[in-house]
Structures are given as C-alpha cells and as structure tokens.
Amino acid sequence: MKRTLAALLFALCLVPPGVRAENEAAVTAVRAADDARVAATIAADRARLEALYSDELYYAHSSGKVDDKAEHLAGLAKRSNAYEKFDYRTREFRVIGPGLVQMTGRVLIHSRNAKGPTRNDVNFLAVWREEQGQWRLLAWQACKNPLPDGTPK
C-alpha cells in the first residue's frame, strides 16, 4: 500500500502542473457535458442532444443494436423507450489525448416502454471529443451486467 501511494505521488510529480490543470479542466467540462446529455435524454430534447453528439456518433446499445447520430436521435424522438433516470454507480474520466476523454463506469438506467418500467444495469465505455471548442459524445458502448446465475438481464 505504501509503495503504491509513493509510486502514485512520484508519477504525479512527473506531470507538469499546467498539464494537470488542463486535464482537470477537460474532465470537469466532460462531466458537465455528460450531465447535460443525461438531462436532455430524459427530456427527449432533440435539439440539445444534436449539439452534444458528434456528427460521427457511434452508439452501441446494451442490446447490441448500433446507431449513428441520426438513428439514435430518431429513436429517442419516438419515445418508444422513455428514459426516466440514470443512476451512476461509478463514472470515471481519463484524458487519453489532446481533446479526447474516456468515460467508463456502471449505470442503472430506468426507462419505460409499452410493456412498462424497465431497469438496465450496464457497464459502459464512452469517448468524448472536443470539437470546435465544445465537448461532444463520439462513442458509447454498453453491455448488460449478468444476473447472479450468469444469464443476461
């Protein structure tokens, strides 16, 4: 434990303060952009999502269905699956390059469809890219967590 802490502190000392500040600023901005994405998804605010999604969006649902930006926005507009709440269990951010932030974690997604309320417990990987001074979601991929007996939900 002491060796791990010492190694972490040493590594932090190797990162110039300006880079750390830039990384912190990027993570803060992406966290705010993701919060805005969640709020816009719940509200089915197509205009806001249009601004938050990259034109090159790759959106892989936990069901395996893959959408581009137009398909994903059209699906949200139909409200066949109305999102009600995103309950992040974990959400971590890591700057992976200039203008690129990786977001990983686990989220419990509450929604409603024609059959009634649903909950999906998923692990996710997202990539945010800074485009013309704004952070936009470039990619999302989710997979359902299995039930205790190993079968998917």
Protein backbone atom coordinates (compact mmCIF):
# COMPACT_ATOMS: atom_id res chain seq x y z
CA MET A 1 0.00 0.00 0.00
CA LYS A 2 2.77 2.46 0.95
CA ARG A 3 4.71 1.54 -2.18
CA THR A 4 1.64 2.12 -4.38
CA LEU A 5 0.96 5.50 -2.79
CA ALA A 6 4.60 6.50 -3.19
CA ALA A 7 4.57 5.48 -6.86
CA LEU A 8 1.39 7.46 -7.46
CA LEU A 9 2.80 10.57 -5.80
CA PHE A 10 6.01 10.22 -7.81
CA ALA A 11 4.05 9.87 -11.05
CA LEU A 12 2.00 12.97 -10.23
CA CYS A 13 5.21 14.92 -9.73
CA LEU A 14 6.30 13.96 -13.26
CA VAL A 15 3.17 15.54 -14.80
CA PRO A 16 3.73 19.28 -15.23
CA PRO A 17 1.23 21.42 -13.26
CA GLY A 18 -0.11 23.01 -16.45
CA VAL A 19 -0.96 19.59 -17.91
CA ARG A 20 -2.69 18.52 -14.68
CA ALA A 21 -4.76 21.73 -14.76
CA GLU A 22 -5.67 21.16 -18.42
CA ASN A 23 -6.68 17.57 -17.66
CA GLU A 24 -8.77 18.66 -14.67
CA ALA A 25 -10.47 21.32 -16.80
CA ALA A 26 -11.23 18.77 -19.53
CA VAL A 27 -12.66 16.27 -17.03
CA THR A 28 -14.80 18.98 -15.40
CA ALA A 29 -16.13 20.06 -18.81
CA VAL A 30 -16.86 16.48 -19.91
CA ARG A 31 -18.61 15.70 -16.63
CA ALA A 32 -20.85 18.74 -17.22
CA ALA A 33 -21.45 17.71 -20.84
CA ASP A 34 -22.43 14.20 -19.75
CA ASP A 35 -24.77 15.60 -17.09
CA ALA A 36 -26.35 17.75 -19.83
CA ARG A 37 -26.62 14.67 -22.09
CA VAL A 38 -28.43 12.71 -19.38
CA ALA A 39 -30.85 15.59 -18.70
CA ALA A 40 -31.51 16.05 -22.43
CA THR A 41 -32.05 12.30 -22.86
CA ILE A 42 -34.61 12.23 -20.05
CA ALA A 43 -36.34 15.29 -21.51
CA ALA A 44 -36.07 13.85 -25.06
CA ASP A 45 -34.61 17.24 -26.05
CA ARG A 46 -33.53 16.50 -29.59
CA ALA A 47 -32.03 19.94 -30.21
CA ARG A 48 -29.82 19.74 -27.12
CA LEU A 49 -28.72 16.18 -27.95
CA GLU A 50 -27.98 17.24 -31.53
CA ALA A 51 -25.48 19.74 -30.10
CA LEU A 52 -23.99 17.24 -27.61
CA TYR A 53 -23.48 14.39 -30.07
CA SER A 54 -20.65 14.31 -32.59
CA ASP A 55 -21.74 14.00 -36.21
CA GLU A 56 -19.64 10.81 -36.18
CA LEU A 57 -21.51 9.29 -33.22
CA TYR A 58 -21.22 5.51 -32.81
CA TYR A 59 -23.84 4.40 -30.24
CA ALA A 60 -23.89 0.70 -29.31
CA HIS A 61 -26.83 -0.15 -27.08
CA SER A 62 -26.62 -2.90 -24.46
CA SER A 63 -28.96 -4.92 -26.70
CA GLY A 64 -26.30 -4.98 -29.41
CA LYS A 65 -28.12 -2.54 -31.69
CA VAL A 66 -25.78 0.10 -33.14
CA ASP A 67 -26.95 3.58 -34.16
CA ASP A 68 -25.35 6.53 -35.86
CA LYS A 69 -26.34 10.03 -34.78
CA ALA A 70 -29.45 10.31 -36.97
CA GLU A 71 -30.73 6.85 -35.99
CA HIS A 72 -30.16 7.44 -32.29
CA LEU A 73 -31.91 10.83 -32.33
CA ALA A 74 -34.83 9.39 -34.30
CA GLY A 75 -35.19 6.56 -31.76
CA LEU A 76 -35.25 8.98 -28.84
CA ALA A 77 -37.84 11.15 -30.61
CA LYS A 78 -40.22 8.16 -30.94
CA ARG A 79 -40.20 7.79 -27.13
CA SER A 80 -40.84 4.03 -27.54
CA ASN A 81 -38.34 3.76 -24.69
CA ALA A 82 -38.70 6.83 -22.45
CA TYR A 83 -35.70 7.35 -20.18
CA GLU A 84 -36.56 8.36 -16.61
CA LYS A 85 -33.34 8.20 -14.59
CA PHE A 86 -29.64 7.42 -14.93
CA ASP A 87 -28.24 6.25 -11.61
CA TYR A 88 -24.46 6.15 -11.98
CA ARG A 89 -22.88 3.55 -9.70
CA THR A 90 -19.44 4.57 -10.95
CA ARG A 91 -18.33 7.12 -13.52
CA GLU A 92 -14.65 7.71 -14.16
CA PHE A 93 -12.92 10.03 -16.58
CA ARG A 94 -9.46 9.81 -18.11
CA VAL A 95 -7.84 12.17 -20.57
CA ILE A 96 -6.48 9.89 -23.29
CA GLY A 97 -5.08 12.50 -25.64
CA PRO A 98 -5.47 16.11 -26.70
CA GLY A 99 -9.19 16.79 -26.95
CA LEU A 100 -10.15 13.20 -26.01
CA VAL A 101 -11.63 11.96 -22.74
CA GLN A 102 -12.62 8.38 -21.97
CA MET A 103 -15.53 7.84 -19.60
CA THR A 104 -16.13 4.41 -18.07
CA GLY A 105 -18.39 3.08 -15.38
CA ARG A 106 -21.59 1.41 -14.40
CA VAL A 107 -25.08 2.90 -14.56
CA LEU A 108 -28.57 1.74 -13.67
CA ILE A 109 -30.88 3.11 -16.38
CA HIS A 110 -34.57 3.43 -15.54
CA SER A 111 -36.89 3.69 -18.52
CA ARG A 112 -40.43 2.92 -19.61
CA ASN A 113 -41.70 1.24 -22.74
CA ALA A 114 -45.02 -0.23 -23.91
CA LYS A 115 -44.56 -3.17 -21.53
CA GLY A 116 -44.00 -0.93 -18.50
CA PRO A 117 -41.00 0.14 -16.45
CA THR A 118 -37.58 -1.36 -17.16
CA ARG A 119 -34.19 -1.21 -15.50
CA ASN A 120 -30.92 -1.96 -17.18
CA ASP A 121 -27.74 -2.34 -15.17
CA VAL A 122 -24.92 -1.72 -17.63
CA ASN A 123 -21.19 -1.20 -17.81
CA PHE A 124 -20.24 1.41 -20.37
CA LEU A 125 -17.36 2.91 -22.28
CA ALA A 126 -17.77 6.38 -23.78
CA VAL A 127 -15.43 8.65 -25.67
CA TRP A 128 -15.86 12.41 -25.65
CA ARG A 129 -14.09 14.60 -28.20
CA GLU A 130 -13.60 18.34 -28.18
CA GLU A 131 -14.96 19.66 -31.47
CA GLN A 132 -14.73 23.37 -32.24
CA GLY A 133 -14.41 24.19 -28.54
CA GLN A 134 -17.33 22.00 -27.39
CA TRP A 135 -17.20 18.51 -25.89
CA ARG A 136 -19.31 16.07 -27.87
CA LEU A 137 -20.08 12.39 -27.37
CA LEU A 138 -18.21 10.50 -30.08
CA ALA A 139 -18.87 6.91 -28.98
CA TRP A 140 -20.91 4.95 -26.45
CA GLN A 141 -20.87 1.21 -25.90
CA ALA A 142 -22.74 -0.59 -23.15
CA CYS A 143 -23.15 -4.17 -22.02
CA LYS A 144 -25.68 -5.53 -19.55
CA ASN A 145 -24.45 -6.97 -16.33
CA PRO A 146 -25.45 -10.60 -15.90
CA LEU A 147 -27.82 -11.90 -13.28
CA PRO A 148 -26.19 -13.82 -10.42
CA ASP A 149 -26.68 -17.11 -12.27
CA GLY A 150 -24.73 -15.74 -15.26
CA THR A 151 -27.62 -15.16 -17.66
CA PRO A 152 -28.03 -11.68 -19.18
CA LYS A 153 -30.88 -9.47 -17.99
